[in-house]
Amino acid sequence: MEVNEGEFVSVIGASGSGKSTLFKLIAGLLDPDKGQIWIEGSTSEKRLGKVAYMPQKDLLLPWRSVLENVLLPLEMTKENKKTKIVEIKNWLSQTGLAEYENAYPHELSGGMKQRVAFLRTIMTGRDLLLLDEPFGALDSLTKRKMHSWLLELWGNLQKTVLFITHDLEEAILLSDRIYLLPGKGSQLIQEVKVNLPRPRRPELIYQSEFIAMRKELEWLISDER
């Protein structure tokens, strides 16, 4: 498996196929039994601190405001918060959260919480983002809005994204490439290239090329099982 700089790559697999374990290996929380993981030229021993991880649950601290939650990575690295306040407020404005900087998590909708969690993730300053089903708990309408928001933000940030999802349409809409983790009947990781032009809009899911790719993924997944 290989992810190039600036790519958006999704990982799909059945429950128990090792998706979350894969992220822990990449992040340096686990060590592989065999093989090696390289990030920006560094091997397994030096990959801690090179990635930012965003889980499915937002994990916002309930006693901290939106602004304070986004500031958290800077506090942990002892960076000068004052020099970053203007940048963070600009991000809050771009993501429709400017009016909520002093609000607390219980006052936010699910989509707003995920936007705050994502901003907190990018404030780590890492170039590789591991997003573990960040929209899995959202309703379909909110999820579509989040797709458009994420694609626009990713285009501006030029970060490298590795994205776990169970949603085939989500994977196709967002990704440059998709990896299918093997099921019980196979040991082969399959790669599918998404040859659809960017920028991508939500209505792309109704076009024939998109539908054909979804059918291809459905066939590959059913064959794995």
C-alpha atoms as a PDB file:
ATOM      1  CA  MET A   1       0.000   0.000   0.000  1.00  0.00           C
ATOM      2  CA  GLU A   2       1.331   3.422  -0.957  1.00  0.00           C
ATOM      3  CA  VAL A   3      -0.052   6.928  -0.517  1.00  0.00           C
ATOM      4  CA  ASN A   4       1.513   9.815  -2.398  1.00  0.00           C
ATOM      5  CA  GLU A   5       1.901  13.341  -1.086  1.00  0.00           C
ATOM      6  CA  GLY A   6      -1.277  15.382  -1.482  1.00  0.00           C
ATOM      7  CA  GLU A   7      -3.458  12.374  -2.336  1.00  0.00           C
ATOM      8  CA  PHE A   8      -6.851  11.517  -0.905  1.00  0.00           C
ATOM      9  CA  VAL A   9      -6.972   7.735  -0.450  1.00  0.00           C
ATOM     10  CA  SER A  10      -9.832   5.760   1.086  1.00  0.00           C
ATOM     11  CA  VAL A  11      -9.735   2.359   2.775  1.00  0.00           C
ATOM     12  CA  ILE A  12     -12.768   0.072   2.686  1.00  0.00           C
ATOM     13  CA  GLY A  13     -13.121  -3.254   4.451  1.00  0.00           C
ATOM     14  CA  ALA A  14     -15.560  -5.375   6.394  1.00  0.00           C
ATOM     15  CA  SER A  15     -15.730  -5.187  10.184  1.00  0.00           C
ATOM     16  CA  GLY A  16     -12.724  -6.985  11.609  1.00  0.00           C
ATOM     17  CA  SER A  17     -10.626  -6.574   8.459  1.00  0.00           C
ATOM     18  CA  GLY A  18      -8.072  -4.452  10.314  1.00  0.00           C
ATOM     19  CA  LYS A  19      -8.869  -0.896   9.245  1.00  0.00           C
ATOM     20  CA  SER A  20      -8.393   0.654  12.686  1.00  0.00           C
ATOM     21  CA  THR A  21      -5.347  -1.538  13.320  1.00  0.00           C
ATOM     22  CA  LEU A  22      -3.872  -0.224  10.073  1.00  0.00           C
ATOM     23  CA  PHE A  23      -4.257   3.346  11.327  1.00  0.00           C
ATOM     24  CA  LYS A  24      -2.616   2.472  14.647  1.00  0.00           C
ATOM     25  CA  LEU A  25       0.313   0.948  12.760  1.00  0.00           C
ATOM     26  CA  ILE A  26       0.698   4.026  10.566  1.00  0.00           C
ATOM     27  CA  ALA A  27       0.452   6.367  13.560  1.00  0.00           C
ATOM     28  CA  GLY A  28       3.129   4.432  15.444  1.00  0.00           C
ATOM     29  CA  LEU A  29       0.811   3.241  18.203  1.00  0.00           C
ATOM     30  CA  LEU A  30       1.517  -0.359  17.169  1.00  0.00           C
ATOM     31  CA  ASP A  31       4.554  -1.986  15.558  1.00  0.00           C
ATOM     32  CA  PRO A  32       4.173  -4.371  12.612  1.00  0.00           C
ATOM     33  CA  ASP A  33       5.057  -8.050  13.076  1.00  0.00           C
ATOM     34  CA  LYS A  34       6.814  -7.919   9.712  1.00  0.00           C
ATOM     35  CA  GLY A  35       7.392  -5.435   6.929  1.00  0.00           C
ATOM     36  CA  GLN A  36       8.032  -1.712   7.295  1.00  0.00           C
ATOM     37  CA  ILE A  37       6.078   1.520   7.307  1.00  0.00           C
ATOM     38  CA  TRP A  38       7.707   4.599   5.816  1.00  0.00           C
ATOM     39  CA  ILE A  39       6.445   8.156   6.257  1.00  0.00           C
ATOM     40  CA  GLU A  40       8.375  11.014   4.671  1.00  0.00           C
ATOM     41  CA  GLY A  41      11.479   8.850   4.517  1.00  0.00           C
ATOM     42  CA  SER A  42      11.274   7.737   8.154  1.00  0.00           C
ATOM     43  CA  THR A  43      10.820   4.112   9.185  1.00  0.00           C
ATOM     44  CA  SER A  44       8.669   2.624  11.945  1.00  0.00           C
ATOM     45  CA  GLU A  45      10.742   3.914  14.846  1.00  0.00           C
ATOM     46  CA  LYS A  46      10.433   7.576  13.837  1.00  0.00           C
ATOM     47  CA  ARG A  47       6.857   7.888  12.608  1.00  0.00           C
ATOM     48  CA  LEU A  48       5.333   8.964  15.944  1.00  0.00           C
ATOM     49  CA  GLY A  49       4.269  12.587  15.693  1.00  0.00           C
ATOM     50  CA  LYS A  50       4.234  12.639  11.887  1.00  0.00           C
ATOM     51  CA  VAL A  51       0.490  12.075  11.498  1.00  0.00           C
ATOM     52  CA  ALA A  52      -2.744  13.555  12.835  1.00  0.00           C
ATOM     53  CA  TYR A  53      -5.600  11.211  13.713  1.00  0.00           C
ATOM     54  CA  MET A  54      -9.319  12.015  13.750  1.00  0.00           C
ATOM     55  CA  PRO A  55     -11.618   9.233  15.024  1.00  0.00           C
ATOM     56  CA  GLN A  56     -15.302   8.741  14.233  1.00  0.00           C
ATOM     57  CA  LYS A  57     -16.360  10.331  17.522  1.00  0.00           C
ATOM     58  CA  ASP A  58     -15.439  13.995  17.738  1.00  0.00           C
ATOM     59  CA  LEU A  59     -13.949  13.617  21.269  1.00  0.00           C
ATOM     60  CA  LEU A  60     -14.354  17.335  21.940  1.00  0.00           C
ATOM     61  CA  LEU A  61     -13.714  18.300  25.549  1.00  0.00           C
ATOM     62  CA  PRO A  62     -17.146  19.323  26.909  1.00  0.00           C
ATOM     63  CA  TRP A  63     -15.773  21.925  29.321  1.00  0.00           C
ATOM     64  CA  ARG A  64     -13.904  23.785  26.585  1.00  0.00           C
ATOM     65  CA  SER A  65     -15.376  26.164  24.023  1.00  0.00           C
ATOM     66  CA  VAL A  66     -15.022  25.685  20.264  1.00  0.00           C
ATOM     67  CA  LEU A  67     -12.015  28.004  20.167  1.00  0.00           C
ATOM     68  CA  GLU A  68     -10.412  26.305  23.175  1.00  0.00           C
ATOM     69  CA  ASN A  69     -10.896  22.849  21.638  1.00  0.00           C
ATOM     70  CA  VAL A  70      -9.227  23.929  18.386  1.00  0.00           C
ATOM     71  CA  LEU A  71      -6.350  25.438  20.386  1.00  0.00           C
ATOM     72  CA  LEU A  72      -5.651  22.181  22.228  1.00  0.00           C
ATOM     73  CA  PRO A  73      -2.881  20.845  19.903  1.00  0.00           C
ATOM     74  CA  LEU A  74      -0.963  24.105  20.309  1.00  0.00           C
ATOM     75  CA  GLU A  75      -1.132  23.830  24.094  1.00  0.00           C
ATOM     76  CA  MET A  76       0.221  20.301  23.961  1.00  0.00           C
ATOM     77  CA  THR A  77       3.209  21.379  21.855  1.00  0.00           C
ATOM     78  CA  LYS A  78       3.661  24.586  23.874  1.00  0.00           C
ATOM     79  CA  GLU A  79       3.409  26.755  20.770  1.00  0.00           C
ATOM     80  CA  ASN A  80       2.578  30.430  21.163  1.00  0.00           C
ATOM     81  CA  LYS A  81      -1.220  30.487  21.034  1.00  0.00           C
ATOM     82  CA  LYS A  82      -1.429  34.242  20.533  1.00  0.00           C
ATOM     83  CA  THR A  83       0.287  34.040  17.149  1.00  0.00           C
ATOM     84  CA  LYS A  84      -2.214  31.399  16.005  1.00  0.00           C
ATOM     85  CA  ILE A  85      -5.454  32.993  17.231  1.00  0.00           C
ATOM     86  CA  VAL A  86      -5.904  35.049  14.055  1.00  0.00           C
ATOM     87  CA  GLU A  87      -5.302  31.969  11.880  1.00  0.00           C
ATOM     88  CA  ILE A  88      -7.766  29.888  13.891  1.00  0.00           C
ATOM     89  CA  LYS A  89     -10.450  32.570  13.755  1.00  0.00           C
ATOM     90  CA  ASN A  90      -9.964  32.725  10.001  1.00  0.00           C
ATOM     91  CA  TRP A  91     -10.493  28.944   9.818  1.00  0.00           C
ATOM     92  CA  LEU A  92     -13.604  29.236  11.978  1.00  0.00           C
ATOM     93  CA  SER A  93     -14.936  31.860   9.581  1.00  0.00           C
ATOM     94  CA  GLN A  94     -14.199  29.714   6.519  1.00  0.00           C
ATOM     95  CA  THR A  95     -15.981  26.730   8.045  1.00  0.00           C
ATOM     96  CA  GLY A  96     -19.079  28.623   9.182  1.00  0.00           C
ATOM     97  CA  LEU A  97     -18.179  28.490  12.864  1.00  0.00           C
ATOM     98  CA  ALA A  98     -17.218  32.111  13.524  1.00  0.00           C
ATOM     99  CA  GLU A  99     -20.389  32.776  15.517  1.00  0.00           C
ATOM    100  CA  TYR A 100     -19.787  29.701  17.665  1.00  0.00           C
ATOM    101  CA  GLU A 101     -16.216  30.205  18.860  1.00  0.00           C
ATOM    102  CA  ASN A 102     -17.420  30.639  22.444  1.00  0.00           C
ATOM    103  CA  ALA A 103     -20.048  27.882  22.255  1.00  0.00           C
ATOM    104  CA  TYR A 104     -19.623  24.518  23.975  1.00  0.00           C
ATOM    105  CA  PRO A 105     -19.903  21.097  22.314  1.00  0.00           C
ATOM    106  CA  HIS A 106     -23.396  20.377  23.694  1.00  0.00           C
ATOM    107  CA  GLU A 107     -24.635  23.484  21.867  1.00  0.00           C
ATOM    108  CA  LEU A 108     -23.466  22.251  18.443  1.00  0.00           C
ATOM    109  CA  SER A 109     -25.008  19.990  15.811  1.00  0.00           C
ATOM    110  CA  GLY A 110     -23.274  16.772  14.747  1.00  0.00           C
ATOM    111  CA  GLY A 111     -21.868  18.343  11.592  1.00  0.00           C
ATOM    112  CA  MET A 112     -20.562  21.349  13.498  1.00  0.00           C
ATOM    113  CA  LYS A 113     -18.834  19.109  16.034  1.00  0.00           C
ATOM    114  CA  GLN A 114     -17.070  17.251  13.224  1.00  0.00           C
ATOM    115  CA  ARG A 115     -15.909  20.528  11.686  1.00  0.00           C
ATOM    116  CA  VAL A 116     -14.448  21.583  15.029  1.00  0.00           C
ATOM    117  CA  ALA A 117     -12.763  18.190  15.407  1.00  0.00           C
ATOM    118  CA  PHE A 118     -11.301  18.471  11.911  1.00  0.00           C
ATOM    119  CA  LEU A 119      -9.950  21.971  12.569  1.00  0.00           C
ATOM    120  CA  ARG A 120      -8.361  20.680  15.761  1.00  0.00           C
ATOM    121  CA  THR A 121      -6.781  17.899  13.693  1.00  0.00           C
ATOM    122  CA  ILE A 122      -5.254  20.230  11.105  1.00  0.00           C
ATOM    123  CA  MET A 123      -3.948  22.547  13.834  1.00  0.00           C
ATOM    124  CA  THR A 124      -1.490  19.792  14.724  1.00  0.00           C
ATOM    125  CA  GLY A 125       0.414  20.939  11.650  1.00  0.00           C
ATOM    126  CA  ARG A 126       0.818  17.384  10.353  1.00  0.00           C
ATOM    127  CA  ASP A 127       0.818  16.782   6.603  1.00  0.00           C
ATOM    128  CA  LEU A 128      -0.694  13.284   6.820  1.00  0.00           C
ATOM    129  CA  LEU A 129      -4.242  13.097   8.169  1.00  0.00           C
ATOM    130  CA  LEU A 130      -5.819   9.796   9.238  1.00  0.00           C
ATOM    131  CA  LEU A 131      -9.600  10.180   9.224  1.00  0.00           C
ATOM    132  CA  ASP A 132     -11.398   7.171  10.715  1.00  0.00           C
ATOM    133  CA  GLU A 133     -15.029   7.266   9.514  1.00  0.00           C
ATOM    134  CA  PRO A 134     -15.448  10.898  10.618  1.00  0.00           C
ATOM    135  CA  PHE A 135     -18.923  11.177   9.058  1.00  0.00           C
ATOM    136  CA  GLY A 136     -20.184   7.693   9.904  1.00  0.00           C
ATOM    137  CA  ALA A 137     -22.614   8.861  12.586  1.00  0.00           C
ATOM    138  CA  LEU A 138     -24.140  11.714  10.550  1.00  0.00           C
ATOM    139  CA  ASP A 139     -27.442  11.647   8.663  1.00  0.00           C
ATOM    140  CA  SER A 140     -27.257  11.520   4.853  1.00  0.00           C
ATOM    141  CA  LEU A 141     -28.075  15.203   4.273  1.00  0.00           C
ATOM    142  CA  THR A 142     -25.477  16.428   6.769  1.00  0.00           C
ATOM    143  CA  LYS A 143     -22.959  13.953   5.373  1.00  0.00           C
ATOM    144  CA  ARG A 144     -23.363  15.374   1.852  1.00  0.00           C
ATOM    145  CA  LYS A 145     -22.759  18.880   3.146  1.00  0.00           C
ATOM    146  CA  MET A 146     -19.662  17.651   4.967  1.00  0.00           C
ATOM    147  CA  HIS A 147     -18.355  16.023   1.778  1.00  0.00           C
ATOM    148  CA  SER A 148     -18.514  19.341  -0.092  1.00  0.00           C
ATOM    149  CA  TRP A 149     -16.921  21.128   2.845  1.00  0.00           C
ATOM    150  CA  LEU A 150     -14.110  18.586   3.184  1.00  0.00           C
ATOM    151  CA  LEU A 151     -13.319  18.533  -0.548  1.00  0.00           C
ATOM    152  CA  GLU A 152     -13.036  22.318  -0.643  1.00  0.00           C
ATOM    153  CA  LEU A 153     -10.892  22.432   2.487  1.00  0.00           C
ATOM    154  CA  TRP A 154      -8.648  19.586   1.284  1.00  0.00           C
ATOM    155  CA  GLY A 155      -8.159  21.385  -2.032  1.00  0.00           C
ATOM    156  CA  ASN A 156      -6.974  24.486  -0.180  1.00  0.00           C
ATOM    157  CA  LEU A 157      -4.800  22.677   2.376  1.00  0.00           C
ATOM    158  CA  GLN A 158      -3.090  20.193   0.024  1.00  0.00           C
ATOM    159  CA  LYS A 159      -2.759  17.695   2.860  1.00  0.00           C
ATOM    160  CA  THR A 160      -2.373  13.950   2.381  1.00  0.00           C
ATOM    161  CA  VAL A 161      -5.489  12.125   3.583  1.00  0.00           C
ATOM    162  CA  LEU A 162      -6.057   8.463   4.406  1.00  0.00           C
ATOM    163  CA  PHE A 163      -9.778   7.975   4.982  1.00  0.00           C
ATOM    164  CA  ILE A 164     -11.632   4.950   6.409  1.00  0.00           C
ATOM    165  CA  THR A 165     -15.247   4.460   5.363  1.00  0.00           C
ATOM    166  CA  HIS A 166     -17.958   1.827   4.844  1.00  0.00           C
ATOM    167  CA  ASP A 167     -19.781   4.106   2.389  1.00  0.00           C
ATOM    168  CA  LEU A 168     -18.914   3.307  -1.244  1.00  0.00           C
ATOM    169  CA  GLU A 169     -20.363   6.545  -2.612  1.00  0.00           C
ATOM    170  CA  GLU A 170     -18.408   8.525  -0.040  1.00  0.00           C
ATOM    171  CA  ALA A 171     -15.177   6.766  -1.007  1.00  0.00           C
ATOM    172  CA  ILE A 172     -15.674   7.365  -4.738  1.00  0.00           C
ATOM    173  CA  LEU A 173     -16.731  10.996  -4.338  1.00  0.00           C
ATOM    174  CA  LEU A 174     -13.779  11.950  -2.138  1.00  0.00           C
ATOM    175  CA  SER A 175     -10.888   9.790  -3.293  1.00  0.00           C
ATOM    176  CA  ASP A 176      -8.118   9.607  -5.853  1.00  0.00           C
ATOM    177  CA  ARG A 177      -7.695   5.909  -5.095  1.00  0.00           C
ATOM    178  CA  ILE A 178      -9.443   3.289  -2.968  1.00  0.00           C
ATOM    179  CA  TYR A 179      -7.914   0.284  -1.212  1.00  0.00           C
ATOM    180  CA  LEU A 180     -10.114  -2.722  -0.445  1.00  0.00           C
ATOM    181  CA  LEU A 181      -8.864  -4.680   2.548  1.00  0.00           C
ATOM    182  CA  PRO A 182      -9.221  -8.447   2.121  1.00  0.00           C
ATOM    183  CA  GLY A 183     -12.034 -10.471   3.644  1.00  0.00           C
ATOM    184  CA  LYS A 184     -11.792 -13.976   5.045  1.00  0.00           C
ATOM    185  CA  GLY A 185     -11.461 -15.574   1.621  1.00  0.00           C
ATOM    186  CA  SER A 186      -8.453 -13.598   0.404  1.00  0.00           C
ATOM    187  CA  GLN A 187      -5.142 -12.082   1.474  1.00  0.00           C
ATOM    188  CA  LEU A 188      -4.939  -9.635  -1.436  1.00  0.00           C
ATOM    189  CA  ILE A 189      -5.361  -5.883  -0.937  1.00  0.00           C
ATOM    190  CA  GLN A 190      -7.048  -4.498  -4.052  1.00  0.00           C
ATOM    191  CA  GLU A 191      -6.538  -0.999  -5.420  1.00  0.00           C
ATOM    192  CA  VAL A 192      -9.113   0.923  -7.452  1.00  0.00           C
ATOM    193  CA  LYS A 193      -8.275   4.215  -9.161  1.00  0.00           C
ATOM    194  CA  VAL A 194     -11.012   6.841  -9.234  1.00  0.00           C
ATOM    195  CA  ASN A 195     -10.692   8.424 -12.665  1.00  0.00           C
ATOM    196  CA  LEU A 196     -13.263  11.148 -12.165  1.00  0.00           C
ATOM    197  CA  PRO A 197     -12.405  14.818 -12.749  1.00  0.00           C
ATOM    198  CA  ARG A 198     -12.042  17.327  -9.940  1.00  0.00           C
ATOM    199  CA  PRO A 199     -13.526  19.449  -8.495  1.00  0.00           C
ATOM    200  CA  ARG A 200     -16.330  17.045  -7.614  1.00  0.00           C
ATOM    201  CA  ARG A 201     -19.860  18.029  -6.653  1.00  0.00           C
ATOM    202  CA  PRO A 202     -22.473  15.961  -4.774  1.00  0.00           C
ATOM    203  CA  GLU A 203     -24.592  15.558  -7.921  1.00  0.00           C
ATOM    204  CA  LEU A 204     -21.754  13.518  -9.440  1.00  0.00           C
ATOM    205  CA  ILE A 205     -23.243  10.433  -7.756  1.00  0.00           C
ATOM    206  CA  TYR A 206     -26.040  10.414 -10.372  1.00  0.00           C
ATOM    207  CA  GLN A 207     -23.737  10.302 -13.395  1.00  0.00           C
ATOM    208  CA  SER A 208     -23.167   7.080 -15.339  1.00  0.00           C
ATOM    209  CA  GLU A 209     -19.392   6.966 -14.709  1.00  0.00           C
ATOM    210  CA  PHE A 210     -19.952   7.217 -10.971  1.00  0.00           C
ATOM    211  CA  ILE A 211     -22.654   4.549 -10.965  1.00  0.00           C
ATOM    212  CA  ALA A 212     -20.422   2.208 -12.990  1.00  0.00           C
ATOM    213  CA  MET A 213     -17.597   2.631 -10.484  1.00  0.00           C
ATOM    214  CA  ARG A 214     -19.922   1.965  -7.569  1.00  0.00           C
ATOM    215  CA  LYS A 215     -21.082  -1.261  -9.241  1.00  0.00           C
ATOM    216  CA  GLU A 216     -17.449  -2.270  -9.774  1.00  0.00           C
ATOM    217  CA  LEU A 217     -16.699  -1.772  -6.077  1.00  0.00           C
ATOM    218  CA  GLU A 218     -19.832  -3.664  -5.065  1.00  0.00           C
ATOM    219  CA  TRP A 219     -18.752  -6.588  -7.248  1.00  0.00           C
ATOM    220  CA  LEU A 220     -15.211  -6.585  -5.856  1.00  0.00           C
ATOM    221  CA  ILE A 221     -16.455  -6.481  -2.267  1.00  0.00           C
ATOM    222  CA  SER A 222     -19.022  -9.249  -2.799  1.00  0.00           C
ATOM    223  CA  ASP A 223     -16.324 -11.361  -4.474  1.00  0.00           C
ATOM    224  CA  GLU A 224     -14.042 -10.863  -1.447  1.00  0.00           C
ATOM    225  CA  ARG A 225     -16.724 -12.185   0.873  1.00  0.00           C
END
